[in-house]
Amino acid sequence: MTYEQHLDEVATLLFELYEQTEDAAIKLVMAAQADDFFSPHDDDPSMCTLERAQADARSVMRKYGAGQRPTTTKVPPRPPRP
């Protein structure tokens, strides 16, 4: 995948896993990009993989998104007690 596709994949994962709006996901990726988080990926295209995009989405969310957890780990609320 290209560098641009990698950034798109990270934004998509932020949208899907962390329930970010598309705008918010893009802003998180842009903040990380402005902070040179993705510079090594631009220098070494072999880093642009789906597995790395998943790891990068977690890292970007932790560093730039107030550490929210992915929605896939949410536990459903318990029903009220009678």
PDB file of N, CA and C in Angstrom:
ATOM      1  N   MET A   1       0.848  -1.174   0.000  1.00  0.00           N
ATOM      2  CA  MET A   1       0.000   0.000   0.000  1.00  0.00           C
ATOM      3  C   MET A   1       0.888   1.229   0.000  1.00  0.00           C
ATOM      4  N   THR A   2       0.426   2.291  -0.607  1.00  0.00           N
ATOM      5  CA  THR A   2       1.201   3.528  -0.668  1.00  0.00           C
ATOM      6  C   THR A   2       1.098   4.272   0.660  1.00  0.00           C
ATOM      7  N   TYR A   3       1.924   5.274   0.819  1.00  0.00           N
ATOM      8  CA  TYR A   3       1.901   6.122   2.013  1.00  0.00           C
ATOM      9  C   TYR A   3       0.518   6.744   2.194  1.00  0.00           C
ATOM     10  N   GLU A   4      -0.045   7.272   1.117  1.00  0.00           N
ATOM     11  CA  GLU A   4      -1.364   7.910   1.183  1.00  0.00           C
ATOM     12  C   GLU A   4      -2.446   6.896   1.543  1.00  0.00           C
ATOM     13  N   GLN A   5      -2.357   5.696   0.986  1.00  0.00           N
ATOM     14  CA  GLN A   5      -3.321   4.643   1.324  1.00  0.00           C
ATOM     15  C   GLN A   5      -3.199   4.248   2.796  1.00  0.00           C
ATOM     16  N   HIS A   6      -1.973   4.262   3.290  1.00  0.00           N
ATOM     17  CA  HIS A   6      -1.744   3.938   4.698  1.00  0.00           C
ATOM     18  C   HIS A   6      -2.435   4.965   5.595  1.00  0.00           C
ATOM     19  N   LEU A   7      -2.263   6.235   5.276  1.00  0.00           N
ATOM     20  CA  LEU A   7      -2.919   7.282   6.068  1.00  0.00           C
ATOM     21  C   LEU A   7      -4.433   7.138   6.001  1.00  0.00           C
ATOM     22  N   ASP A   8      -4.948   6.840   4.825  1.00  0.00           N
ATOM     23  CA  ASP A   8      -6.395   6.616   4.671  1.00  0.00           C
ATOM     24  C   ASP A   8      -6.856   5.438   5.524  1.00  0.00           C
ATOM     25  N   GLU A   9      -6.074   4.377   5.541  1.00  0.00           N
ATOM     26  CA  GLU A   9      -6.443   3.190   6.328  1.00  0.00           C
ATOM     27  C   GLU A   9      -6.442   3.504   7.821  1.00  0.00           C
ATOM     28  N   VAL A  10      -5.457   4.259   8.282  1.00  0.00           N
ATOM     29  CA  VAL A  10      -5.419   4.644   9.694  1.00  0.00           C
ATOM     30  C   VAL A  10      -6.659   5.474  10.032  1.00  0.00           C
ATOM     31  N   ALA A  11      -7.005   6.427   9.181  1.00  0.00           N
ATOM     32  CA  ALA A  11      -8.204   7.245   9.418  1.00  0.00           C
ATOM     33  C   ALA A  11      -9.459   6.378   9.428  1.00  0.00           C
ATOM     34  N   THR A  12      -9.538   5.426   8.516  1.00  0.00           N
ATOM     35  CA  THR A  12     -10.697   4.522   8.471  1.00  0.00           C
ATOM     36  C   THR A  12     -10.793   3.701   9.750  1.00  0.00           C
ATOM     37  N   LEU A  13      -9.682   3.203  10.235  1.00  0.00           N
ATOM     38  CA  LEU A  13      -9.682   2.427  11.474  1.00  0.00           C
ATOM     39  C   LEU A  13     -10.079   3.287  12.668  1.00  0.00           C
ATOM     40  N   LEU A  14      -9.628   4.527  12.696  1.00  0.00           N
ATOM     41  CA  LEU A  14     -10.033   5.432  13.775  1.00  0.00           C
ATOM     42  C   LEU A  14     -11.539   5.651  13.744  1.00  0.00           C
ATOM     43  N   PHE A  15     -12.083   5.777  12.558  1.00  0.00           N
ATOM     44  CA  PHE A  15     -13.526   5.953  12.379  1.00  0.00           C
ATOM     45  C   PHE A  15     -14.281   4.704  12.831  1.00  0.00           C
ATOM     46  N   GLU A  16     -13.820   3.546  12.401  1.00  0.00           N
ATOM     47  CA  GLU A  16     -14.538   2.296  12.671  1.00  0.00           C
ATOM     48  C   GLU A  16     -14.356   1.784  14.097  1.00  0.00           C
ATOM     49  N   LEU A  17     -13.142   1.807  14.610  1.00  0.00           N
ATOM     50  CA  LEU A  17     -12.871   1.203  15.913  1.00  0.00           C
ATOM     51  C   LEU A  17     -13.083   2.137  17.092  1.00  0.00           C
ATOM     52  N   TYR A  18     -12.899   3.423  16.870  1.00  0.00           N
ATOM     53  CA  TYR A  18     -12.962   4.372  17.974  1.00  0.00           C
ATOM     54  C   TYR A  18     -14.158   5.316  17.873  1.00  0.00           C
ATOM     55  N   GLU A  19     -15.057   5.017  16.963  1.00  0.00           N
ATOM     56  CA  GLU A  19     -16.283   5.802  16.766  1.00  0.00           C
ATOM     57  C   GLU A  19     -16.004   7.297  16.602  1.00  0.00           C
ATOM     58  N   GLN A  20     -14.940   7.611  15.904  1.00  0.00           N
ATOM     59  CA  GLN A  20     -14.647   8.999  15.579  1.00  0.00           C
ATOM     60  C   GLN A  20     -15.449   9.370  14.337  1.00  0.00           C
ATOM     61  N   THR A  21     -15.840  10.636  14.248  1.00  0.00           N
ATOM     62  CA  THR A  21     -16.441  11.076  12.995  1.00  0.00           C
ATOM     63  C   THR A  21     -15.350  11.041  11.934  1.00  0.00           C
ATOM     64  N   GLU A  22     -15.751  11.084  10.680  1.00  0.00           N
ATOM     65  CA  GLU A  22     -14.735  11.102   9.617  1.00  0.00           C
ATOM     66  C   GLU A  22     -13.833  12.316   9.774  1.00  0.00           C
ATOM     67  N   ASP A  23     -14.432  13.479  10.074  1.00  0.00           N
ATOM     68  CA  ASP A  23     -13.635  14.695  10.267  1.00  0.00           C
ATOM     69  C   ASP A  23     -12.650  14.535  11.418  1.00  0.00           C
ATOM     70  N   ALA A  24     -13.123  13.991  12.540  1.00  0.00           N
ATOM     71  CA  ALA A  24     -12.249  13.817  13.703  1.00  0.00           C
ATOM     72  C   ALA A  24     -11.117  12.842  13.395  1.00  0.00           C
ATOM     73  N   ALA A  25     -11.423  11.756  12.695  1.00  0.00           N
ATOM     74  CA  ALA A  25     -10.392  10.778  12.343  1.00  0.00           C
ATOM     75  C   ALA A  25      -9.328  11.412  11.451  1.00  0.00           C
ATOM     76  N   ILE A  26      -9.767  12.187  10.490  1.00  0.00           N
ATOM     77  CA  ILE A  26      -8.825  12.868   9.592  1.00  0.00           C
ATOM     78  C   ILE A  26      -7.982  13.866  10.371  1.00  0.00           C
ATOM     79  N   LYS A  27      -8.596  14.596  11.295  1.00  0.00           N
ATOM     80  CA  LYS A  27      -7.848  15.570  12.104  1.00  0.00           C
ATOM     81  C   LYS A  27      -6.803  14.882  12.971  1.00  0.00           C
ATOM     82  N   LEU A  28      -7.139  13.713  13.516  1.00  0.00           N
ATOM     83  CA  LEU A  28      -6.159  12.969  14.308  1.00  0.00           C
ATOM     84  C   LEU A  28      -4.971  12.546  13.446  1.00  0.00           C
ATOM     85  N   VAL A  29      -5.250  12.053  12.252  1.00  0.00           N
ATOM     86  CA  VAL A  29      -4.171  11.654  11.340  1.00  0.00           C
ATOM     87  C   VAL A  29      -3.342  12.873  10.947  1.00  0.00           C
ATOM     88  N   MET A  30      -3.998  13.988  10.693  1.00  0.00           N
ATOM     89  CA  MET A  30      -3.271  15.208  10.325  1.00  0.00           C
ATOM     90  C   MET A  30      -2.409  15.709  11.481  1.00  0.00           C
ATOM     91  N   ALA A  31      -2.912  15.612  12.713  1.00  0.00           N
ATOM     92  CA  ALA A  31      -2.124  16.025  13.878  1.00  0.00           C
ATOM     93  C   ALA A  31      -0.890  15.137  14.017  1.00  0.00           C
ATOM     94  N   ALA A  32      -1.079  13.840  13.832  1.00  0.00           N
ATOM     95  CA  ALA A  32       0.053  12.915  13.907  1.00  0.00           C
ATOM     96  C   ALA A  32       1.051  13.189  12.786  1.00  0.00           C
ATOM     97  N   GLN A  33       0.531  13.474  11.612  1.00  0.00           N
ATOM     98  CA  GLN A  33       1.393  13.763  10.464  1.00  0.00           C
ATOM     99  C   GLN A  33       2.184  15.045  10.708  1.00  0.00           C
ATOM    100  N   ALA A  34       1.537  16.065  11.262  1.00  0.00           N
ATOM    101  CA  ALA A  34       2.220  17.330  11.554  1.00  0.00           C
ATOM    102  C   ALA A  34       3.303  17.142  12.612  1.00  0.00           C
ATOM    103  N   ASP A  35       3.123  16.145  13.465  1.00  0.00           N
ATOM    104  CA  ASP A  35       4.078  15.837  14.525  1.00  0.00           C
ATOM    105  C   ASP A  35       5.151  14.850  14.049  1.00  0.00           C
ATOM    106  N   ASP A  36       5.178  14.576  12.740  1.00  0.00           N
ATOM    107  CA  ASP A  36       6.144  13.665  12.109  1.00  0.00           C
ATOM    108  C   ASP A  36       6.005  12.206  12.549  1.00  0.00           C
ATOM    109  N   PHE A  37       4.832  11.833  13.060  1.00  0.00           N
ATOM    110  CA  PHE A  37       4.590  10.447  13.458  1.00  0.00           C
ATOM    111  C   PHE A  37       4.764   9.496  12.279  1.00  0.00           C
ATOM    112  N   PHE A  38       4.319   9.926  11.096  1.00  0.00           N
ATOM    113  CA  PHE A  38       4.345   9.055   9.925  1.00  0.00           C
ATOM    114  C   PHE A  38       5.577   9.251   9.040  1.00  0.00           C
ATOM    115  N   SER A  39       6.528  10.077   9.444  1.00  0.00           N
ATOM    116  CA  SER A  39       7.713  10.328   8.613  1.00  0.00           C
ATOM    117  C   SER A  39       8.476   9.057   8.246  1.00  0.00           C
ATOM    118  N   PRO A  40       8.683   8.138   9.199  1.00  0.00           N
ATOM    119  CA  PRO A  40       9.394   6.909   8.814  1.00  0.00           C
ATOM    120  C   PRO A  40       8.658   6.109   7.736  1.00  0.00           C
ATOM    121  N   HIS A  41       7.330   6.181   7.746  1.00  0.00           N
ATOM    122  CA  HIS A  41       6.538   5.453   6.752  1.00  0.00           C
ATOM    123  C   HIS A  41       6.768   6.028   5.349  1.00  0.00           C
ATOM    124  N   ASP A  42       6.939   7.342   5.297  1.00  0.00           N
ATOM    125  CA  ASP A  42       7.176   8.003   4.013  1.00  0.00           C
ATOM    126  C   ASP A  42       8.559   7.631   3.482  1.00  0.00           C
ATOM    127  N   ASP A  43       9.513   7.488   4.409  1.00  0.00           N
ATOM    128  CA  ASP A  43      10.877   7.129   4.023  1.00  0.00           C
ATOM    129  C   ASP A  43      11.014   5.647   3.664  1.00  0.00           C
ATOM    130  N   ASP A  44      10.194   4.797   4.295  1.00  0.00           N
ATOM    131  CA  ASP A  44      10.284   3.351   4.076  1.00  0.00           C
ATOM    132  C   ASP A  44       8.893   2.788   3.778  1.00  0.00           C
ATOM    133  N   PRO A  45       8.505   2.748   2.505  1.00  0.00           N
ATOM    134  CA  PRO A  45       7.160   2.293   2.137  1.00  0.00           C
ATOM    135  C   PRO A  45       6.825   0.874   2.599  1.00  0.00           C
ATOM    136  N   SER A  46       7.823   0.064   2.932  1.00  0.00           N
ATOM    137  CA  SER A  46       7.523  -1.291   3.408  1.00  0.00           C
ATOM    138  C   SER A  46       6.818  -1.271   4.765  1.00  0.00           C
ATOM    139  N   MET A  47       6.833  -0.128   5.439  1.00  0.00           N
ATOM    140  CA  MET A  47       6.124   0.020   6.712  1.00  0.00           C
ATOM    141  C   MET A  47       4.620   0.187   6.512  1.00  0.00           C
ATOM    142  N   CYS A  48       4.204   0.471   5.307  1.00  0.00           N
ATOM    143  CA  CYS A  48       2.793   0.761   5.017  1.00  0.00           C
ATOM    144  C   CYS A  48       2.037  -0.535   4.748  1.00  0.00           C
ATOM    145  N   THR A  49       1.677  -1.211   5.834  1.00  0.00           N
ATOM    146  CA  THR A  49       0.937  -2.467   5.748  1.00  0.00           C
ATOM    147  C   THR A  49      -0.339  -2.351   6.570  1.00  0.00           C
ATOM    148  N   LEU A  50      -1.255  -3.270   6.365  1.00  0.00           N
ATOM    149  CA  LEU A  50      -2.493  -3.277   7.131  1.00  0.00           C
ATOM    150  C   LEU A  50      -2.207  -3.496   8.618  1.00  0.00           C
ATOM    151  N   GLU A  51      -1.283  -4.408   8.915  1.00  0.00           N
ATOM    152  CA  GLU A  51      -0.932  -4.672  10.311  1.00  0.00           C
ATOM    153  C   GLU A  51      -0.368  -3.422  10.969  1.00  0.00           C
ATOM    154  N   ARG A  52       0.482  -2.714  10.238  1.00  0.00           N
ATOM    155  CA  ARG A  52       1.069  -1.490  10.790  1.00  0.00           C
ATOM    156  C   ARG A  52       0.010  -0.404  10.930  1.00  0.00           C
ATOM    157  N   ALA A  53      -0.937  -0.334  10.003  1.00  0.00           N
ATOM    158  CA  ALA A  53      -2.019   0.653  10.093  1.00  0.00           C
ATOM    159  C   ALA A  53      -2.836   0.427  11.360  1.00  0.00           C
ATOM    160  N   GLN A  54      -3.070  -0.839  11.706  1.00  0.00           N
ATOM    161  CA  GLN A  54      -3.812  -1.144  12.931  1.00  0.00           C
ATOM    162  C   GLN A  54      -3.036  -0.687  14.161  1.00  0.00           C
ATOM    163  N   ALA A  55      -1.746  -0.951  14.190  1.00  0.00           N
ATOM    164  CA  ALA A  55      -0.911  -0.513  15.304  1.00  0.00           C
ATOM    165  C   ALA A  55      -0.832   1.008  15.348  1.00  0.00           C
ATOM    166  N   ASP A  56      -0.710   1.627  14.186  1.00  0.00           N
ATOM    167  CA  ASP A  56      -0.637   3.086  14.135  1.00  0.00           C
ATOM    168  C   ASP A  56      -1.935   3.732  14.597  1.00  0.00           C
ATOM    169  N   ALA A  57      -3.073   3.142  14.253  1.00  0.00           N
ATOM    170  CA  ALA A  57      -4.360   3.690  14.700  1.00  0.00           C
ATOM    171  C   ALA A  57      -4.423   3.684  16.227  1.00  0.00           C
ATOM    172  N   ARG A  58      -3.979   2.593  16.844  1.00  0.00           N
ATOM    173  CA  ARG A  58      -3.947   2.532  18.316  1.00  0.00           C
ATOM    174  C   ARG A  58      -3.029   3.609  18.880  1.00  0.00           C
ATOM    175  N   SER A  59      -1.845   3.734  18.300  1.00  0.00           N
ATOM    176  CA  SER A  59      -0.877   4.717  18.793  1.00  0.00           C
ATOM    177  C   SER A  59      -1.373   6.142  18.604  1.00  0.00           C
ATOM    178  N   VAL A  60      -1.943   6.424  17.445  1.00  0.00           N
ATOM    179  CA  VAL A  60      -2.460   7.773  17.173  1.00  0.00           C
ATOM    180  C   VAL A  60      -3.582   8.103  18.150  1.00  0.00           C
ATOM    181  N   MET A  61      -4.452   7.146  18.405  1.00  0.00           N
ATOM    182  CA  MET A  61      -5.557   7.400  19.324  1.00  0.00           C
ATOM    183  C   MET A  61      -5.040   7.650  20.728  1.00  0.00           C
ATOM    184  N   ARG A  62      -4.057   6.874  21.158  1.00  0.00           N
ATOM    185  CA  ARG A  62      -3.489   7.067  22.496  1.00  0.00           C
ATOM    186  C   ARG A  62      -2.819   8.429  22.630  1.00  0.00           C
ATOM    187  N   LYS A  63      -2.052   8.802  21.609  1.00  0.00           N
ATOM    188  CA  LYS A  63      -1.263  10.029  21.717  1.00  0.00           C
ATOM    189  C   LYS A  63      -2.046  11.287  21.379  1.00  0.00           C
ATOM    190  N   TYR A  64      -2.946  11.206  20.413  1.00  0.00           N
ATOM    191  CA  TYR A  64      -3.622  12.409  19.926  1.00  0.00           C
ATOM    192  C   TYR A  64      -5.119  12.414  20.204  1.00  0.00           C
ATOM    193  N   GLY A  65      -5.650  11.318  20.710  1.00  0.00           N
ATOM    194  CA  GLY A  65      -7.096  11.223  20.899  1.00  0.00           C
ATOM    195  C   GLY A  65      -7.518  10.955  22.325  1.00  0.00           C
ATOM    196  N   ALA A  66      -6.758  11.399  23.292  1.00  0.00           N
ATOM    197  CA  ALA A  66      -7.114  11.290  24.705  1.00  0.00           C
ATOM    198  C   ALA A  66      -7.259   9.842  25.173  1.00  0.00           C
ATOM    199  N   GLY A  67      -6.584   8.912  24.491  1.00  0.00           N
ATOM    200  CA  GLY A  67      -6.516   7.539  24.964  1.00  0.00           C
ATOM    201  C   GLY A  67      -7.814   6.760  24.988  1.00  0.00           C
ATOM    202  N   GLN A  68      -8.748   7.064  24.111  1.00  0.00           N
ATOM    203  CA  GLN A  68      -9.997   6.313  24.065  1.00  0.00           C
ATOM    204  C   GLN A  68      -9.718   4.880  23.637  1.00  0.00           C
ATOM    205  N   ARG A  69     -10.506   3.967  24.144  1.00  0.00           N
ATOM    206  CA  ARG A  69     -10.365   2.556  23.786  1.00  0.00           C
ATOM    207  C   ARG A  69     -11.232   2.237  22.574  1.00  0.00           C
ATOM    208  N   PRO A  70     -10.857   1.193  21.834  1.00  0.00           N
ATOM    209  CA  PRO A  70     -11.684   0.812  20.687  1.00  0.00           C
ATOM    210  C   PRO A  70     -13.056   0.332  21.137  1.00  0.00           C
ATOM    211  N   THR A  71     -14.044   0.549  20.298  1.00  0.00           N
ATOM    212  CA  THR A  71     -15.406   0.164  20.638  1.00  0.00           C
ATOM    213  C   THR A  71     -15.562  -1.339  20.711  1.00  0.00           C
ATOM    214  N   THR A  72     -14.677  -2.088  20.094  1.00  0.00           N
ATOM    215  CA  THR A  72     -14.799  -3.547  20.111  1.00  0.00           C
ATOM    216  C   THR A  72     -14.519  -4.123  21.487  1.00  0.00           C
ATOM    217  N   THR A  73     -13.956  -3.337  22.393  1.00  0.00           N
ATOM    218  CA  THR A  73     -13.691  -3.835  23.736  1.00  0.00           C
ATOM    219  C   THR A  73     -14.731  -3.358  24.737  1.00  0.00           C
ATOM    220  N   LYS A  74     -15.727  -2.630  24.297  1.00  0.00           N
ATOM    221  CA  LYS A  74     -16.750  -2.146  25.215  1.00  0.00           C
ATOM    222  C   LYS A  74     -17.588  -3.312  25.724  1.00  0.00           C
ATOM    223  N   VAL A  75     -17.867  -3.266  26.999  1.00  0.00           N
ATOM    224  CA  VAL A  75     -18.713  -4.275  27.611  1.00  0.00           C
ATOM    225  C   VAL A  75     -20.131  -3.725  27.651  1.00  0.00           C
ATOM    226  N   PRO A  76     -21.121  -4.517  27.231  1.00  0.00           N
ATOM    227  CA  PRO A  76     -22.487  -4.005  27.257  1.00  0.00           C
ATOM    228  C   PRO A  76     -22.928  -3.731  28.689  1.00  0.00           C
ATOM    229  N   PRO A  77     -23.768  -2.722  28.884  1.00  0.00           N
ATOM    230  CA  PRO A  77     -24.213  -2.414  30.246  1.00  0.00           C
ATOM    231  C   PRO A  77     -25.055  -3.552  30.808  1.00  0.00           C
ATOM    232  N   ARG A  78     -24.984  -3.701  32.116  1.00  0.00           N
ATOM    233  CA  ARG A  78     -25.786  -4.727  32.781  1.00  0.00           C
ATOM    234  C   ARG A  78     -27.233  -4.267  32.855  1.00  0.00           C
ATOM    235  N   PRO A  79     -28.148  -5.205  32.786  1.00  0.00           N
ATOM    236  CA  PRO A  79     -29.549  -4.810  32.937  1.00  0.00           C
ATOM    237  C   PRO A  79     -29.804  -4.366  34.375  1.00  0.00           C
ATOM    238  N   PRO A  80     -30.759  -3.471  34.583  1.00  0.00           N
ATOM    239  CA  PRO A  80     -31.034  -3.009  35.949  1.00  0.00           C
ATOM    240  C   PRO A  80     -31.542  -4.161  36.814  1.00  0.00           C
ATOM    241  N   ARG A  81     -31.211  -4.078  38.074  1.00  0.00           N
ATOM    242  CA  ARG A  81     -31.670  -5.113  39.009  1.00  0.00           C
ATOM    243  C   ARG A  81     -33.124  -4.850  39.376  1.00  0.00           C
ATOM    244  N   PRO A  82     -33.888  -5.922  39.569  1.00  0.00           N
ATOM    245  CA  PRO A  82     -35.309  -5.733  39.932  1.00  0.00           C
ATOM    246  C   PRO A  82     -35.494  -5.221  41.341  1.00  0.00           C
TER     247      PRO A  82
END
